[in-house]
């Protein structure tokens, strides 16, 4: 996983909408949603196990199988089902980019431009992480610096699964795919950390398993 420092930084204190709603995926999972600026975002990480056409997304548990994938799959942090309701599933980029569509009808996996709009509206990369992260230390490790969740995005530290299958950083970091490919091996992602106010624009190996947020079309 590599870090790419974004240029989206500005100085302002946005007034965040308190509008909320819900959206339901193909499996019947209901997600809280929130309007931030002019965008409607899921306020929870995706946990769907089927594409929009009802084809299953394979759950891959074994490490060697995960490492050899070049097609869509998901996993659950630590292979512990109790993590799903809190943190959602972790998906590789091939699931994000599958033509069968992983997002609920009327929604899409957030593109790089969607994240750029969100971060810019919330004051730029230097400070937006605080208003995006869930406040407190119920899920984030202490000190969870700067976390206010002013935006209502309620970002959680779901960690990730690396390309060789190891689960890492639960409670420490939240990382989210965009649907935007960076190069043949990596895609554009965004990264939050328990120690910092910032949010970083990163790139991540397409074989890794990380979280997904969707935006309304």
Protein backbone atom coordinates (compact mmCIF):
# COMPACT_ATOMS: atom_id res chain seq x y z
CA UNK A 1 0.00 0.00 0.00
CA UNK A 2 1.50 3.32 -1.01
CA UNK A 3 0.63 6.87 -0.02
CA UNK A 4 -0.15 9.61 -2.51
CA UNK A 5 -0.55 13.02 -0.90
CA UNK A 6 -3.62 14.69 -2.37
CA UNK A 7 -3.75 18.33 -3.40
CA UNK A 8 -7.25 18.83 -2.06
CA UNK A 9 -6.70 21.08 0.95
CA UNK A 10 -8.51 24.27 1.86
CA UNK A 11 -9.49 26.33 4.88
CA UNK A 12 -13.15 26.41 5.80
CA UNK A 13 -15.62 25.11 8.34
CA UNK A 14 -18.47 23.55 6.37
CA UNK A 15 -22.00 23.40 7.61
CA UNK A 16 -22.93 19.77 7.23
CA UNK A 17 -26.46 18.70 6.36
CA UNK A 18 -28.32 16.66 8.94
CA UNK A 19 -30.46 14.97 6.27
CA UNK A 20 -30.48 11.18 6.68
CA UNK A 21 -32.17 8.26 4.96
CA UNK A 22 -31.58 4.57 4.20
CA UNK A 23 -30.76 2.38 1.20
CA UNK A 24 -31.21 -1.40 0.82
CA UNK A 25 -28.88 -3.73 -1.10
CA UNK A 26 -29.71 -6.88 -3.11
CA UNK A 27 -29.32 -9.03 0.06
CA UNK A 28 -31.79 -6.92 2.01
CA UNK A 29 -29.16 -5.19 4.16
CA UNK A 30 -30.36 -1.72 5.15
CA UNK A 31 -27.75 1.05 5.41
CA UNK A 32 -28.03 4.44 7.03
CA UNK A 33 -27.19 7.26 4.61
CA UNK A 34 -26.31 10.91 5.10
CA UNK A 35 -26.26 13.99 2.90
CA UNK A 36 -22.88 15.76 3.02
CA UNK A 37 -22.78 18.87 0.86
CA UNK A 38 -24.58 17.90 -2.33
CA UNK A 39 -23.74 14.20 -2.04
CA UNK A 40 -25.63 11.31 -0.46
CA UNK A 41 -23.22 8.80 1.12
CA UNK A 42 -23.70 5.50 2.87
CA UNK A 43 -22.97 6.03 6.56
CA UNK A 44 -21.92 2.38 6.89
CA UNK A 45 -19.48 0.11 5.08
CA UNK A 46 -20.84 -2.21 2.41
CA UNK A 47 -21.61 -5.80 3.49
CA UNK A 48 -23.34 -7.21 0.41
CA UNK A 49 -22.51 -10.76 -0.76
CA UNK A 50 -24.17 -10.65 -4.21
CA UNK A 51 -23.79 -8.48 -7.26
CA UNK A 52 -26.79 -6.45 -8.37
CA UNK A 53 -27.93 -9.25 -10.72
CA UNK A 54 -27.94 -11.65 -7.70
CA UNK A 55 -24.79 -13.54 -8.76
CA UNK A 56 -22.82 -14.44 -5.61
CA UNK A 57 -19.57 -12.71 -4.72
CA UNK A 58 -17.28 -15.53 -3.56
CA UNK A 59 -16.10 -15.43 0.03
CA UNK A 60 -12.46 -16.51 0.08
CA UNK A 61 -11.03 -17.58 3.42
CA UNK A 62 -7.86 -19.55 2.59
CA UNK A 63 -4.75 -17.38 2.18
CA UNK A 64 -3.25 -19.02 -0.90
CA UNK A 65 -6.55 -18.80 -2.75
CA UNK A 66 -6.87 -15.12 -1.80
CA UNK A 67 -3.35 -14.42 -3.03
CA UNK A 68 -4.06 -16.00 -6.44
CA UNK A 69 -7.26 -14.09 -7.20
CA UNK A 70 -7.79 -11.91 -10.25
CA UNK A 71 -11.60 -11.97 -9.98
CA UNK A 72 -14.01 -10.44 -7.48
CA UNK A 73 -14.16 -11.75 -3.91
CA UNK A 74 -14.84 -10.65 -0.36
CA UNK A 75 -13.71 -11.66 3.09
CA UNK A 76 -14.54 -10.85 6.71
CA UNK A 77 -11.84 -9.45 8.97
CA UNK A 78 -10.26 -12.34 10.86
CA UNK A 79 -12.88 -14.66 9.34
CA UNK A 80 -15.01 -13.62 12.32
CA UNK A 81 -18.65 -13.12 11.35
CA UNK A 82 -19.23 -10.83 14.33
CA UNK A 83 -17.19 -8.15 12.53
CA UNK A 84 -19.63 -7.85 9.62
CA UNK A 85 -22.38 -5.84 11.32
CA UNK A 86 -19.84 -3.33 12.65
CA UNK A 87 -17.22 -3.02 9.92
CA UNK A 88 -18.85 -4.53 6.84
CA UNK A 89 -16.99 -6.84 4.48
CA UNK A 90 -13.57 -6.39 2.89
CA UNK A 91 -13.49 -6.62 -0.91
CA UNK A 92 -10.75 -6.84 -3.50
CA UNK A 93 -10.75 -4.32 -6.35
CA UNK A 94 -11.92 -6.93 -8.84
CA UNK A 95 -15.28 -6.99 -7.05
CA UNK A 96 -15.42 -3.18 -7.16
CA UNK A 97 -14.76 -3.16 -10.90
CA UNK A 98 -17.03 -6.07 -11.89
CA UNK A 99 -19.60 -5.20 -14.57
CA UNK A 100 -22.33 -6.93 -12.56
CA UNK A 101 -22.14 -4.01 -10.09
CA UNK A 102 -21.65 -4.38 -6.37
CA UNK A 103 -23.57 -1.23 -5.35
CA UNK A 104 -27.31 -1.03 -4.62
CA UNK A 105 -29.55 0.10 -7.47
CA UNK A 106 -29.29 3.87 -7.89
CA UNK A 107 -25.91 3.99 -6.15
CA UNK A 108 -22.28 3.42 -7.15
CA UNK A 109 -18.97 2.68 -5.49
CA UNK A 110 -17.49 6.11 -4.80
CA UNK A 111 -15.19 7.31 -7.56
CA UNK A 112 -12.00 9.28 -6.92
CA UNK A 113 -13.88 12.44 -7.87
CA UNK A 114 -16.64 11.66 -5.31
CA UNK A 115 -14.07 11.37 -2.52
CA UNK A 116 -12.34 14.54 -3.71
CA UNK A 117 -15.63 16.43 -3.47
CA UNK A 118 -16.27 15.07 0.04
CA UNK A 119 -12.82 15.89 1.35
CA UNK A 120 -12.79 19.35 -0.19
CA UNK A 121 -16.22 20.16 1.27
CA UNK A 122 -15.01 19.08 4.72
CA UNK A 123 -12.02 21.39 4.69
CA UNK A 124 -9.30 19.48 2.84
CA UNK A 125 -7.00 16.58 3.55
CA UNK A 126 -5.33 18.18 6.58
CA UNK A 127 -8.51 18.26 8.69
CA UNK A 128 -11.31 16.31 7.00
CA UNK A 129 -10.39 13.03 8.69
CA UNK A 130 -11.61 14.32 12.04
CA UNK A 131 -15.10 15.16 10.78
CA UNK A 132 -15.30 11.81 8.94
CA UNK A 133 -14.17 9.46 11.74
CA UNK A 134 -16.59 8.06 14.28
CA UNK A 135 -15.96 9.90 17.56
CA UNK A 136 -14.68 8.15 20.68
CA UNK A 137 -12.75 4.93 21.19
CA UNK A 138 -15.45 2.27 21.06
CA UNK A 139 -14.05 1.07 17.73
CA UNK A 140 -11.05 3.31 17.06
CA UNK A 141 -7.94 2.87 19.17
CA UNK A 142 -7.14 5.68 21.59
CA UNK A 143 -6.51 8.59 21.16
CA UNK A 144 -8.51 8.74 17.88
CA UNK A 145 -7.20 12.26 17.41
CA UNK A 146 -9.53 14.91 16.04
CA UNK A 147 -12.54 12.62 15.64
CA UNK A 148 -15.87 14.48 15.82
CA UNK A 149 -17.95 12.75 13.11
CA UNK A 150 -19.38 16.20 12.36
CA UNK A 151 -20.17 15.02 8.84
CA UNK A 152 -22.20 11.98 9.91
CA UNK A 153 -20.02 9.76 7.68
CA UNK A 154 -19.15 7.58 10.72
CA UNK A 155 -15.92 6.12 9.34
CA UNK A 156 -14.82 2.98 11.18
CA UNK A 157 -11.37 1.33 11.39
CA UNK A 158 -12.16 -1.89 9.55
CA UNK A 159 -8.52 -2.65 8.79
CA UNK A 160 -7.59 -4.59 5.68
CA UNK A 161 -6.42 -7.93 4.30
CA UNK A 162 -3.16 -7.76 2.39
CA UNK A 163 -2.41 -9.57 -0.86
CA UNK A 164 -0.99 -12.65 0.88
CA UNK A 165 -4.07 -12.97 3.09
CA UNK A 166 -2.97 -11.46 6.42
CA UNK A 167 -5.52 -9.34 8.31
CA UNK A 168 -4.13 -6.08 9.71
CA UNK A 169 -5.00 -2.77 11.42
CA UNK A 170 -8.48 -3.38 12.88
CA UNK A 171 -9.09 -0.44 15.19
CA UNK A 172 -6.10 1.41 13.76
CA UNK A 173 -7.00 2.32 10.18
CA UNK A 174 -9.91 2.60 7.80
CA UNK A 175 -9.21 2.29 4.07
CA UNK A 176 -11.76 2.60 1.27
CA UNK A 177 -11.65 1.74 -2.41
CA UNK A 178 -12.58 4.16 -5.10
CA UNK A 179 -13.72 2.69 -8.41
CA UNK A 180 -10.81 4.51 -10.07
CA UNK A 181 -7.85 2.41 -11.22
CA UNK A 182 -4.40 3.95 -10.71
CA UNK A 183 -2.35 1.51 -12.82
CA UNK A 184 -2.42 -2.16 -13.79
CA UNK A 185 -1.75 -3.34 -10.21
CA UNK A 186 -3.16 -0.58 -7.98
CA UNK A 187 -6.28 1.50 -7.49
CA UNK A 188 -7.03 4.83 -5.85
CA UNK A 189 -8.01 4.62 -2.17
CA UNK A 190 -8.49 6.84 0.90
CA UNK A 191 -6.94 6.17 4.31
CA UNK A 192 -7.78 7.27 7.88
CA UNK A 193 -5.73 6.58 11.01
CA UNK A 194 -6.49 6.65 14.75
CA UNK A 195 -3.54 8.99 15.41
CA UNK A 196 -4.31 11.79 12.96
CA UNK A 197 -6.79 14.47 11.86
CA UNK A 198 -5.87 13.98 8.21
CA UNK A 199 -7.22 11.78 5.48
CA UNK A 200 -4.73 10.54 2.89
CA UNK A 201 -5.19 9.77 -0.77
CA UNK A 202 -3.41 6.43 -1.26
CA UNK A 203 -3.01 3.66 -3.77
CA UNK A 204 -3.61 0.02 -2.88
CA UNK A 205 -2.80 -3.30 -4.52
CA UNK A 206 -5.95 -4.54 -6.28
CA UNK A 207 -5.57 -7.94 -4.58
CA UNK A 208 -6.01 -6.47 -1.10
CA UNK A 209 -9.29 -6.55 0.79
CA UNK A 210 -10.55 -3.19 2.05
CA UNK A 211 -13.82 -1.40 2.79
CA UNK A 212 -16.32 0.18 0.38
CA UNK A 213 -18.62 3.17 0.66
CA UNK A 214 -21.22 3.98 -2.00
CA UNK A 215 -22.64 7.28 -3.21
CA UNK A 216 -26.04 7.97 -4.69
CA UNK A 217 -26.08 8.35 -8.49
